Amino acid sequence: MSLYWDPVTALPPEQRINFTGSWDDLLWLNVPGPFWTGETDTCWTGRLQAPHNVLYGGEYFTEFVFRQPRTPTEVSAVADAAWADPFGGYGCDGDDRWTPSAVRAWWRERHRIDHYIAELLPHWASSTDRYERDAAAGLRDFAAHVADPLGVQLRVYLFWLEERRSPTPTDTLPDL
């Protein structure tokens, strides 16, 4: 049984060309993993393609990956979001960029996410705009993801980064 599935393996070469983001522009809200965003458009298009993986960031509404893809269908959806981004701000090389210490630092600072959600949720949830209401649903998904499965998923990801293989059920996962 494999505990880690590398979602980049489901990304065909013809879709990789849409991932040209600059790591220097990495948005802090991106959940560590292979897919990430830097500077993206402000047109609220990411969730139209990838509602289970993409949200909008703060006052400028840039997009970010709040949940790494878990299936080939979700990888394709994130690739569609990257294709739709006129700024070319998506990346798929996070495995070469994230370090164990950076993942741990991101996890230690996750309280910033709670603050981010608490600021935006009341406005987006009460909005008459359908895109903002959809974004509010995404914020709730993000909060639930951080509260429960993400900690274990990041420990599995740390193992992947350190060993470049999926942990087995008998392997000890690294601490966050």
N, C-alpha and C. Protein backbone atom coordinates (compact mmCIF):
# COMPACT_ATOMS: atom_id res chain seq x y z
N MET A 1 0.84 -1.19 0.00
CA MET A 1 0.00 0.00 0.00
C MET A 1 0.88 1.25 0.00
N SER A 2 0.62 2.17 -0.89
CA SER A 2 1.37 3.41 -0.99
C SER A 2 0.64 4.50 -0.20
N LEU A 3 1.38 5.21 0.63
CA LEU A 3 0.78 6.31 1.40
C LEU A 3 0.88 7.64 0.67
N TYR A 4 1.82 7.72 -0.29
CA TYR A 4 1.98 8.96 -1.05
C TYR A 4 1.86 8.67 -2.53
N TRP A 5 1.00 9.43 -3.17
CA TRP A 5 0.86 9.38 -4.62
C TRP A 5 1.40 10.68 -5.17
N ASP A 6 2.34 10.60 -6.10
CA ASP A 6 2.93 11.79 -6.70
C ASP A 6 2.01 12.32 -7.79
N PRO A 7 1.29 13.40 -7.54
CA PRO A 7 0.32 13.89 -8.51
C PRO A 7 0.95 14.38 -9.81
N VAL A 8 2.22 14.75 -9.80
CA VAL A 8 2.86 15.25 -11.02
C VAL A 8 2.95 14.15 -12.07
N THR A 9 2.96 12.89 -11.63
CA THR A 9 3.01 11.79 -12.59
C THR A 9 1.76 11.73 -13.47
N ALA A 10 0.68 12.35 -13.04
CA ALA A 10 -0.56 12.36 -13.81
C ALA A 10 -0.66 13.57 -14.74
N LEU A 11 0.40 14.38 -14.78
CA LEU A 11 0.40 15.59 -15.60
C LEU A 11 1.10 15.31 -16.93
N PRO A 12 0.34 15.27 -18.02
CA PRO A 12 0.96 15.00 -19.33
C PRO A 12 1.90 16.13 -19.76
N PRO A 13 2.91 15.81 -20.55
CA PRO A 13 3.87 16.84 -20.99
C PRO A 13 3.21 18.05 -21.65
N GLU A 14 2.15 17.83 -22.41
CA GLU A 14 1.51 18.96 -23.08
C GLU A 14 0.84 19.92 -22.09
N GLN A 15 0.58 19.48 -20.87
CA GLN A 15 0.01 20.37 -19.86
C GLN A 15 1.09 21.00 -18.98
N ARG A 16 2.27 20.41 -18.92
CA ARG A 16 3.35 20.97 -18.09
C ARG A 16 3.78 22.35 -18.56
N ILE A 17 3.59 22.63 -19.84
CA ILE A 17 4.03 23.92 -20.37
C ILE A 17 3.26 25.09 -19.78
N ASN A 18 2.12 24.82 -19.15
CA ASN A 18 1.32 25.88 -18.53
C ASN A 18 1.81 26.25 -17.13
N PHE A 19 2.82 25.56 -16.63
CA PHE A 19 3.33 25.78 -15.28
C PHE A 19 4.66 26.52 -15.36
N THR A 20 4.57 27.84 -15.42
CA THR A 20 5.77 28.67 -15.62
C THR A 20 5.96 29.69 -14.50
N GLY A 21 5.33 29.48 -13.35
CA GLY A 21 5.39 30.45 -12.26
C GLY A 21 6.80 30.61 -11.71
N SER A 22 7.03 31.75 -11.07
CA SER A 22 8.30 32.05 -10.43
C SER A 22 8.20 31.74 -8.93
N TRP A 23 9.06 30.85 -8.45
CA TRP A 23 9.07 30.47 -7.04
C TRP A 23 9.29 31.69 -6.15
N ASP A 24 10.00 32.70 -6.66
CA ASP A 24 10.23 33.92 -5.88
C ASP A 24 8.93 34.64 -5.54
N ASP A 25 7.88 34.37 -6.31
CA ASP A 25 6.58 34.99 -6.09
C ASP A 25 5.62 34.10 -5.28
N LEU A 26 6.10 32.99 -4.76
CA LEU A 26 5.25 32.03 -4.04
C LEU A 26 4.34 32.73 -3.04
N LEU A 27 3.04 32.48 -3.15
CA LEU A 27 2.07 33.02 -2.20
C LEU A 27 2.08 32.16 -0.95
N TRP A 28 2.18 32.77 0.21
CA TRP A 28 2.36 32.04 1.47
C TRP A 28 1.22 31.09 1.78
N LEU A 29 0.05 31.29 1.19
CA LEU A 29 -1.11 30.45 1.48
C LEU A 29 -1.04 29.06 0.82
N ASN A 30 -0.20 28.89 -0.19
CA ASN A 30 -0.09 27.59 -0.85
C ASN A 30 0.28 26.50 0.14
N VAL A 31 -0.48 25.41 0.13
CA VAL A 31 -0.15 24.25 0.95
C VAL A 31 1.07 23.57 0.34
N PRO A 32 2.07 23.22 1.14
CA PRO A 32 3.27 22.59 0.58
C PRO A 32 2.93 21.35 -0.25
N GLY A 33 3.61 21.23 -1.36
CA GLY A 33 3.43 20.11 -2.26
C GLY A 33 3.93 20.49 -3.64
N PRO A 34 3.74 19.61 -4.60
CA PRO A 34 4.29 19.87 -5.93
C PRO A 34 3.63 21.04 -6.67
N PHE A 35 2.35 21.29 -6.45
CA PHE A 35 1.65 22.35 -7.16
C PHE A 35 1.57 23.59 -6.27
N TRP A 36 1.76 24.76 -6.88
CA TRP A 36 1.78 26.02 -6.15
C TRP A 36 1.50 27.17 -7.11
N THR A 37 1.29 28.35 -6.55
CA THR A 37 1.12 29.55 -7.36
C THR A 37 1.99 30.67 -6.82
N GLY A 38 2.31 31.56 -7.73
CA GLY A 38 2.98 32.80 -7.37
C GLY A 38 2.04 33.94 -7.73
N GLU A 39 2.47 34.76 -8.67
CA GLU A 39 1.63 35.87 -9.13
C GLU A 39 0.66 35.34 -10.19
N THR A 40 -0.62 35.41 -9.88
CA THR A 40 -1.66 34.93 -10.80
C THR A 40 -2.63 36.06 -11.12
N ASP A 41 -3.58 35.75 -11.98
CA ASP A 41 -4.56 36.76 -12.37
C ASP A 41 -5.49 37.12 -11.21
N THR A 42 -6.31 38.11 -11.45
CA THR A 42 -7.27 38.55 -10.44
C THR A 42 -8.69 38.38 -10.95
N CYS A 43 -8.88 37.42 -11.83
CA CYS A 43 -10.19 37.25 -12.49
C CYS A 43 -11.08 36.18 -11.85
N TRP A 44 -10.65 35.58 -10.77
CA TRP A 44 -11.44 34.57 -10.08
C TRP A 44 -11.75 33.38 -10.99
N THR A 45 -10.77 32.90 -11.72
CA THR A 45 -11.01 31.78 -12.64
C THR A 45 -10.56 30.44 -12.07
N GLY A 46 -9.64 30.41 -11.14
CA GLY A 46 -9.07 29.15 -10.65
C GLY A 46 -10.07 28.17 -10.10
N ARG A 47 -11.02 28.65 -9.35
CA ARG A 47 -12.03 27.75 -8.76
C ARG A 47 -13.02 27.25 -9.80
N LEU A 48 -13.15 27.97 -10.89
CA LEU A 48 -14.04 27.47 -11.95
C LEU A 48 -13.50 26.16 -12.50
N GLN A 49 -12.18 26.04 -12.60
CA GLN A 49 -11.56 24.82 -13.10
C GLN A 49 -11.28 23.80 -11.99
N ALA A 50 -10.79 24.27 -10.85
CA ALA A 50 -10.30 23.37 -9.80
C ALA A 50 -10.87 23.74 -8.43
N PRO A 51 -12.18 23.56 -8.22
CA PRO A 51 -12.80 23.99 -6.96
C PRO A 51 -12.33 23.20 -5.74
N HIS A 52 -11.79 22.02 -5.92
CA HIS A 52 -11.33 21.21 -4.78
C HIS A 52 -9.88 21.50 -4.41
N ASN A 53 -9.24 22.39 -5.18
CA ASN A 53 -7.81 22.61 -4.98
C ASN A 53 -7.38 24.07 -4.95
N VAL A 54 -8.16 24.97 -5.53
CA VAL A 54 -7.73 26.36 -5.70
C VAL A 54 -8.67 27.31 -4.96
N LEU A 55 -8.05 28.31 -4.34
CA LEU A 55 -8.78 29.39 -3.67
C LEU A 55 -8.17 30.72 -4.08
N TYR A 56 -8.71 31.81 -3.52
CA TYR A 56 -8.25 33.15 -3.84
C TYR A 56 -7.59 33.77 -2.63
N GLY A 57 -6.55 34.54 -2.89
CA GLY A 57 -5.74 35.07 -1.81
C GLY A 57 -5.91 36.55 -1.55
N GLY A 58 -6.58 36.87 -0.48
CA GLY A 58 -6.62 38.21 0.06
C GLY A 58 -7.22 39.27 -0.84
N GLU A 59 -6.78 40.50 -0.62
CA GLU A 59 -7.41 41.64 -1.27
C GLU A 59 -7.16 41.69 -2.77
N TYR A 60 -6.10 41.03 -3.25
CA TYR A 60 -5.81 41.07 -4.68
C TYR A 60 -6.38 39.86 -5.41
N PHE A 61 -6.95 38.91 -4.70
CA PHE A 61 -7.63 37.76 -5.27
C PHE A 61 -6.74 36.90 -6.17
N THR A 62 -5.45 36.87 -5.88
CA THR A 62 -4.60 35.94 -6.58
C THR A 62 -5.00 34.53 -6.16
N GLU A 63 -4.66 33.56 -6.99
CA GLU A 63 -5.06 32.18 -6.72
C GLU A 63 -3.95 31.45 -5.96
N PHE A 64 -4.35 30.42 -5.21
CA PHE A 64 -3.36 29.57 -4.55
C PHE A 64 -3.92 28.16 -4.42
N VAL A 65 -3.01 27.21 -4.24
CA VAL A 65 -3.38 25.80 -4.10
C VAL A 65 -3.57 25.52 -2.61
N PHE A 66 -4.83 25.33 -2.21
CA PHE A 66 -5.12 25.07 -0.80
C PHE A 66 -5.15 23.58 -0.47
N ARG A 67 -5.28 22.76 -1.49
CA ARG A 67 -5.23 21.30 -1.29
C ARG A 67 -4.53 20.72 -2.52
N GLN A 68 -3.50 19.93 -2.27
CA GLN A 68 -2.80 19.28 -3.39
C GLN A 68 -3.73 18.28 -4.06
N PRO A 69 -3.63 18.14 -5.38
CA PRO A 69 -4.50 17.18 -6.08
C PRO A 69 -4.32 15.76 -5.53
N ARG A 70 -5.45 15.05 -5.44
CA ARG A 70 -5.43 13.68 -4.89
C ARG A 70 -5.76 12.63 -5.93
N THR A 71 -6.18 13.06 -7.12
CA THR A 71 -6.57 12.13 -8.17
C THR A 71 -6.11 12.70 -9.51
N PRO A 72 -6.03 11.85 -10.55
CA PRO A 72 -5.71 12.38 -11.87
C PRO A 72 -6.72 13.44 -12.35
N THR A 73 -7.97 13.29 -11.99
CA THR A 73 -8.99 14.28 -12.36
C THR A 73 -8.67 15.63 -11.72
N GLU A 74 -8.26 15.65 -10.47
CA GLU A 74 -7.90 16.91 -9.81
C GLU A 74 -6.63 17.49 -10.40
N VAL A 75 -5.67 16.65 -10.79
CA VAL A 75 -4.46 17.16 -11.46
C VAL A 75 -4.86 17.86 -12.75
N SER A 76 -5.73 17.23 -13.51
CA SER A 76 -6.20 17.83 -14.76
C SER A 76 -6.91 19.15 -14.50
N ALA A 77 -7.68 19.22 -13.43
CA ALA A 77 -8.39 20.46 -13.08
C ALA A 77 -7.39 21.57 -12.73
N VAL A 78 -6.36 21.25 -11.96
CA VAL A 78 -5.34 22.26 -11.62
C VAL A 78 -4.60 22.69 -12.89
N ALA A 79 -4.34 21.74 -13.79
CA ALA A 79 -3.70 22.08 -15.06
C ALA A 79 -4.59 23.02 -15.87
N ASP A 80 -5.89 22.82 -15.83
CA ASP A 80 -6.82 23.72 -16.51
C ASP A 80 -6.78 25.11 -15.89
N ALA A 81 -6.69 25.17 -14.56
CA ALA A 81 -6.59 26.47 -13.89
C ALA A 81 -5.29 27.17 -14.29
N ALA A 82 -4.20 26.41 -14.39
CA ALA A 82 -2.93 26.99 -14.83
C ALA A 82 -3.04 27.51 -16.25
N TRP A 83 -3.69 26.75 -17.11
CA TRP A 83 -3.88 27.17 -18.51
C TRP A 83 -4.69 28.47 -18.59
N ALA A 84 -5.69 28.60 -17.74
CA ALA A 84 -6.57 29.77 -17.77
C ALA A 84 -5.93 31.02 -17.16
N ASP A 85 -4.81 30.86 -16.48
CA ASP A 85 -4.17 31.99 -15.81
C ASP A 85 -3.30 32.76 -16.80
N PRO A 86 -3.68 33.98 -17.17
CA PRO A 86 -2.90 34.73 -18.17
C PRO A 86 -1.52 35.16 -17.67
N PHE A 87 -1.30 35.15 -16.36
CA PHE A 87 0.00 35.56 -15.82
C PHE A 87 1.00 34.41 -15.79
N GLY A 88 0.56 33.18 -16.02
CA GLY A 88 1.47 32.04 -15.96
C GLY A 88 2.07 31.84 -14.58
N GLY A 89 1.26 32.04 -13.56
CA GLY A 89 1.76 32.01 -12.19
C GLY A 89 1.71 30.68 -11.47
N TYR A 90 1.33 29.62 -12.15
CA TYR A 90 1.28 28.30 -11.51
C TYR A 90 2.60 27.57 -11.70
N GLY A 91 2.95 26.74 -10.72
CA GLY A 91 4.13 25.89 -10.82
C GLY A 91 3.80 24.47 -10.43
N CYS A 92 4.58 23.52 -10.94
CA CYS A 92 4.39 22.10 -10.59
C CYS A 92 5.69 21.45 -10.16
N ASP A 93 6.66 22.27 -9.76
CA ASP A 93 7.96 21.76 -9.36
C ASP A 93 8.24 21.95 -7.87
N GLY A 94 7.18 21.96 -7.09
CA GLY A 94 7.34 22.17 -5.65
C GLY A 94 8.20 21.12 -4.97
N ASP A 95 8.21 19.89 -5.50
CA ASP A 95 9.05 18.86 -4.88
C ASP A 95 10.53 19.22 -4.96
N ASP A 96 10.90 20.02 -5.95
CA ASP A 96 12.28 20.47 -6.08
C ASP A 96 12.54 21.76 -5.32
N ARG A 97 11.49 22.37 -4.80
CA ARG A 97 11.60 23.68 -4.15
C ARG A 97 11.38 23.61 -2.63
N TRP A 98 10.35 22.86 -2.23
CA TRP A 98 10.08 22.75 -0.79
C TRP A 98 11.19 21.94 -0.14
N THR A 99 11.62 22.40 1.01
CA THR A 99 12.58 21.65 1.83
C THR A 99 11.85 21.20 3.09
N PRO A 100 12.34 20.17 3.75
CA PRO A 100 11.70 19.79 5.01
C PRO A 100 11.60 20.95 6.00
N SER A 101 12.64 21.77 6.10
CA SER A 101 12.57 22.89 7.05
C SER A 101 11.53 23.92 6.62
N ALA A 102 11.37 24.13 5.31
CA ALA A 102 10.36 25.08 4.83
C ALA A 102 8.94 24.55 5.08
N VAL A 103 8.74 23.25 4.91
CA VAL A 103 7.43 22.66 5.19
C VAL A 103 7.10 22.80 6.67
N ARG A 104 8.08 22.51 7.51
CA ARG A 104 7.86 22.64 8.97
C ARG A 104 7.58 24.09 9.36
N ALA A 105 8.29 25.03 8.75
CA ALA A 105 8.05 26.45 9.05
C ALA A 105 6.65 26.85 8.61
N TRP A 106 6.21 26.38 7.44
CA TRP A 106 4.86 26.68 6.98
C TRP A 106 3.84 26.15 7.98
N TRP A 107 4.03 24.93 8.46
CA TRP A 107 3.11 24.32 9.41
C TRP A 107 3.07 25.09 10.73
N ARG A 108 4.23 25.55 11.20
CA ARG A 108 4.28 26.32 12.44
C ARG A 108 3.51 27.63 12.31
N GLU A 109 3.44 28.17 11.10
CA GLU A 109 2.78 29.46 10.87
C GLU A 109 1.33 29.31 10.39
N ARG A 110 0.77 28.12 10.50
CA ARG A 110 -0.58 27.88 9.97
C ARG A 110 -1.65 28.71 10.66
N HIS A 111 -1.37 29.26 11.84
CA HIS A 111 -2.34 30.14 12.51
C HIS A 111 -2.66 31.35 11.64
N ARG A 112 -1.76 31.71 10.74
CA ARG A 112 -2.01 32.82 9.81
C ARG A 112 -3.20 32.48 8.91
N ILE A 113 -3.36 31.21 8.60
CA ILE A 113 -4.48 30.78 7.76
C ILE A 113 -5.80 31.00 8.49
N ASP A 114 -5.83 30.65 9.79
CA ASP A 114 -7.04 30.89 10.59
C ASP A 114 -7.42 32.37 10.56
N HIS A 115 -6.43 33.23 10.71
CA HIS A 115 -6.67 34.68 10.68
C HIS A 115 -7.18 35.11 9.30
N TYR A 116 -6.55 34.60 8.26
CA TYR A 116 -6.94 34.91 6.88
C TYR A 116 -8.41 34.52 6.66
N ILE A 117 -8.77 33.31 7.07
CA ILE A 117 -10.15 32.82 6.89
C ILE A 117 -11.13 33.64 7.72
N ALA A 118 -10.77 33.93 8.96
CA ALA A 118 -11.65 34.70 9.84
C ALA A 118 -11.93 36.09 9.28
N GLU A 119 -10.95 36.68 8.59
CA GLU A 119 -11.15 38.01 8.00
C GLU A 119 -12.07 37.97 6.78
N LEU A 120 -11.89 36.98 5.91
CA LEU A 120 -12.62 36.96 4.65
C LEU A 120 -13.98 36.27 4.71
N LEU A 121 -14.10 35.25 5.54
CA LEU A 121 -15.31 34.43 5.52
C LEU A 121 -16.60 35.22 5.77
N PRO A 122 -16.68 36.09 6.76
CA PRO A 122 -17.95 36.79 6.98
C PRO A 122 -18.40 37.59 5.75
N HIS A 123 -17.48 38.25 5.11
CA HIS A 123 -17.84 39.05 3.94
C HIS A 123 -18.26 38.15 2.77
N TRP A 124 -17.42 37.16 2.46
CA TRP A 124 -17.73 36.30 1.32
C TRP A 124 -18.99 35.46 1.55
N ALA A 125 -19.20 35.00 2.77
CA ALA A 125 -20.37 34.15 3.06
C ALA A 125 -21.67 34.93 2.96
N SER A 126 -21.65 36.21 3.26
CA SER A 126 -22.88 37.01 3.24
C SER A 126 -23.06 37.77 1.92
N SER A 127 -22.15 37.59 1.00
CA SER A 127 -22.19 38.32 -0.26
C SER A 127 -23.34 37.84 -1.15
N THR A 128 -23.81 38.73 -1.99
CA THR A 128 -24.79 38.34 -3.01
C THR A 128 -24.09 37.88 -4.29
N ASP A 129 -22.79 38.06 -4.36
CA ASP A 129 -22.01 37.64 -5.51
C ASP A 129 -21.76 36.13 -5.45
N ARG A 130 -22.11 35.40 -6.49
CA ARG A 130 -21.98 33.94 -6.46
C ARG A 130 -20.54 33.49 -6.37
N TYR A 131 -19.60 34.26 -6.94
CA TYR A 131 -18.19 33.89 -6.87
C TYR A 131 -17.66 34.01 -5.44
N GLU A 132 -18.09 35.05 -4.75
CA GLU A 132 -17.68 35.22 -3.36
C GLU A 132 -18.30 34.15 -2.47
N ARG A 133 -19.55 33.80 -2.73
CA ARG A 133 -20.18 32.73 -1.93
C ARG A 133 -19.46 31.40 -2.18
N ASP A 134 -19.08 31.14 -3.43
CA ASP A 134 -18.31 29.94 -3.74
C ASP A 134 -16.95 29.98 -3.04
N ALA A 135 -16.32 31.14 -3.04
CA ALA A 135 -15.04 31.27 -2.36
C ALA A 135 -15.20 31.04 -0.85
N ALA A 136 -16.32 31.44 -0.28
CA ALA A 136 -16.59 31.18 1.13
C ALA A 136 -16.66 29.68 1.40
N ALA A 137 -17.31 28.95 0.51
CA ALA A 137 -17.34 27.48 0.65
C ALA A 137 -15.93 26.92 0.57
N GLY A 138 -15.11 27.47 -0.31
CA GLY A 138 -13.72 27.04 -0.40
C GLY A 138 -12.94 27.34 0.86
N LEU A 139 -13.20 28.50 1.47
CA LEU A 139 -12.55 28.83 2.75
C LEU A 139 -12.90 27.81 3.83
N ARG A 140 -14.15 27.40 3.86
CA ARG A 140 -14.56 26.39 4.84
C ARG A 140 -13.83 25.06 4.57
N ASP A 141 -13.71 24.70 3.29
CA ASP A 141 -12.97 23.48 2.93
C ASP A 141 -11.51 23.59 3.36
N PHE A 142 -10.92 24.75 3.14
CA PHE A 142 -9.53 24.98 3.52
C PHE A 142 -9.35 24.84 5.03
N ALA A 143 -10.25 25.46 5.79
CA ALA A 143 -10.17 25.37 7.25
C ALA A 143 -10.28 23.92 7.72
N ALA A 144 -11.20 23.17 7.15
CA ALA A 144 -11.36 21.76 7.52
C ALA A 144 -10.14 20.95 7.13
N HIS A 145 -9.56 21.25 5.98
CA HIS A 145 -8.37 20.53 5.51
C HIS A 145 -7.18 20.77 6.46
N VAL A 146 -6.99 22.00 6.87
CA VAL A 146 -5.88 22.32 7.78
C VAL A 146 -6.12 21.71 9.15
N ALA A 147 -7.38 21.68 9.59
CA ALA A 147 -7.71 21.18 10.93
C ALA A 147 -7.53 19.68 11.08
N ASP A 148 -7.72 18.91 10.01
CA ASP A 148 -7.67 17.46 10.20
C ASP A 148 -6.65 16.74 9.33
N PRO A 149 -6.88 16.50 8.07
CA PRO A 149 -5.97 15.59 7.38
C PRO A 149 -4.62 16.18 7.01
N LEU A 150 -4.49 17.51 6.97
CA LEU A 150 -3.27 18.10 6.44
C LEU A 150 -2.03 17.76 7.25
N GLY A 151 -2.13 17.72 8.57
CA GLY A 151 -0.96 17.41 9.38
C GLY A 151 -0.34 16.06 9.01
N VAL A 152 -1.16 15.05 8.89
CA VAL A 152 -0.66 13.72 8.51
C VAL A 152 -0.16 13.74 7.07
N GLN A 153 -0.90 14.41 6.18
CA GLN A 153 -0.47 14.48 4.79
C GLN A 153 0.89 15.16 4.66
N LEU A 154 1.14 16.19 5.45
CA LEU A 154 2.44 16.86 5.39
C LEU A 154 3.55 15.98 5.96
N ARG A 155 3.25 15.17 6.94
CA ARG A 155 4.27 14.24 7.45
C ARG A 155 4.63 13.21 6.37
N VAL A 156 3.62 12.74 5.64
CA VAL A 156 3.88 11.82 4.52
C VAL A 156 4.68 12.56 3.44
N TYR A 157 4.33 13.80 3.16
CA TYR A 157 5.06 14.59 2.17
C TYR A 157 6.51 14.81 2.60
N LEU A 158 6.73 15.08 3.88
CA LEU A 158 8.10 15.21 4.39
C LEU A 158 8.91 13.94 4.12
N PHE A 159 8.29 12.79 4.37
CA PHE A 159 8.96 11.52 4.10
C PHE A 159 9.33 11.45 2.62
N TRP A 160 8.39 11.81 1.75
CA TRP A 160 8.62 11.82 0.31
C TRP A 160 9.80 12.73 -0.05
N LEU A 161 9.82 13.94 0.52
CA LEU A 161 10.90 14.87 0.23
C LEU A 161 12.25 14.33 0.68
N GLU A 162 12.27 13.70 1.84
CA GLU A 162 13.54 13.20 2.39
C GLU A 162 14.01 11.91 1.74
N GLU A 163 13.09 11.03 1.39
CA GLU A 163 13.45 9.69 0.90
C GLU A 163 13.19 9.49 -0.60
N ARG A 164 12.38 10.37 -1.19
CA ARG A 164 11.96 10.23 -2.60
C ARG A 164 11.30 8.89 -2.89
N ARG A 165 10.54 8.47 -1.92
CA ARG A 165 9.69 7.29 -2.07
C ARG A 165 8.53 7.42 -1.10
N SER A 166 7.48 6.70 -1.41
CA SER A 166 6.33 6.70 -0.51
C SER A 166 6.66 5.91 0.74
N PRO A 167 6.25 6.40 1.90
CA PRO A 167 6.44 5.58 3.10
C PRO A 167 5.54 4.35 3.05
N THR A 168 6.00 3.31 3.68
CA THR A 168 5.18 2.12 3.85
C THR A 168 4.47 2.24 5.19
N PRO A 169 3.47 1.42 5.44
CA PRO A 169 2.80 1.49 6.74
C PRO A 169 3.73 1.23 7.94
N THR A 170 4.85 0.59 7.71
CA THR A 170 5.77 0.32 8.82
C THR A 170 6.85 1.39 9.00
N ASP A 171 6.96 2.33 8.05
CA ASP A 171 7.92 3.42 8.18
C ASP A 171 7.45 4.40 9.24
N THR A 172 8.40 5.02 9.91
CA THR A 172 8.10 6.09 10.86
C THR A 172 8.09 7.41 10.11
N LEU A 173 6.99 8.12 10.24
CA LEU A 173 6.88 9.41 9.57
C LEU A 173 7.64 10.48 10.35
N PRO A 174 8.27 11.43 9.65
CA PRO A 174 8.97 12.50 10.36
C PRO A 174 7.99 13.41 11.10
N ASP A 175 8.49 14.06 12.11
CA ASP A 175 7.69 15.03 12.87
C ASP A 175 7.58 16.33 12.09
N LEU A 176 6.48 17.02 12.33
CA LEU A 176 6.32 18.37 11.78
C LEU A 176 6.94 19.35 12.75
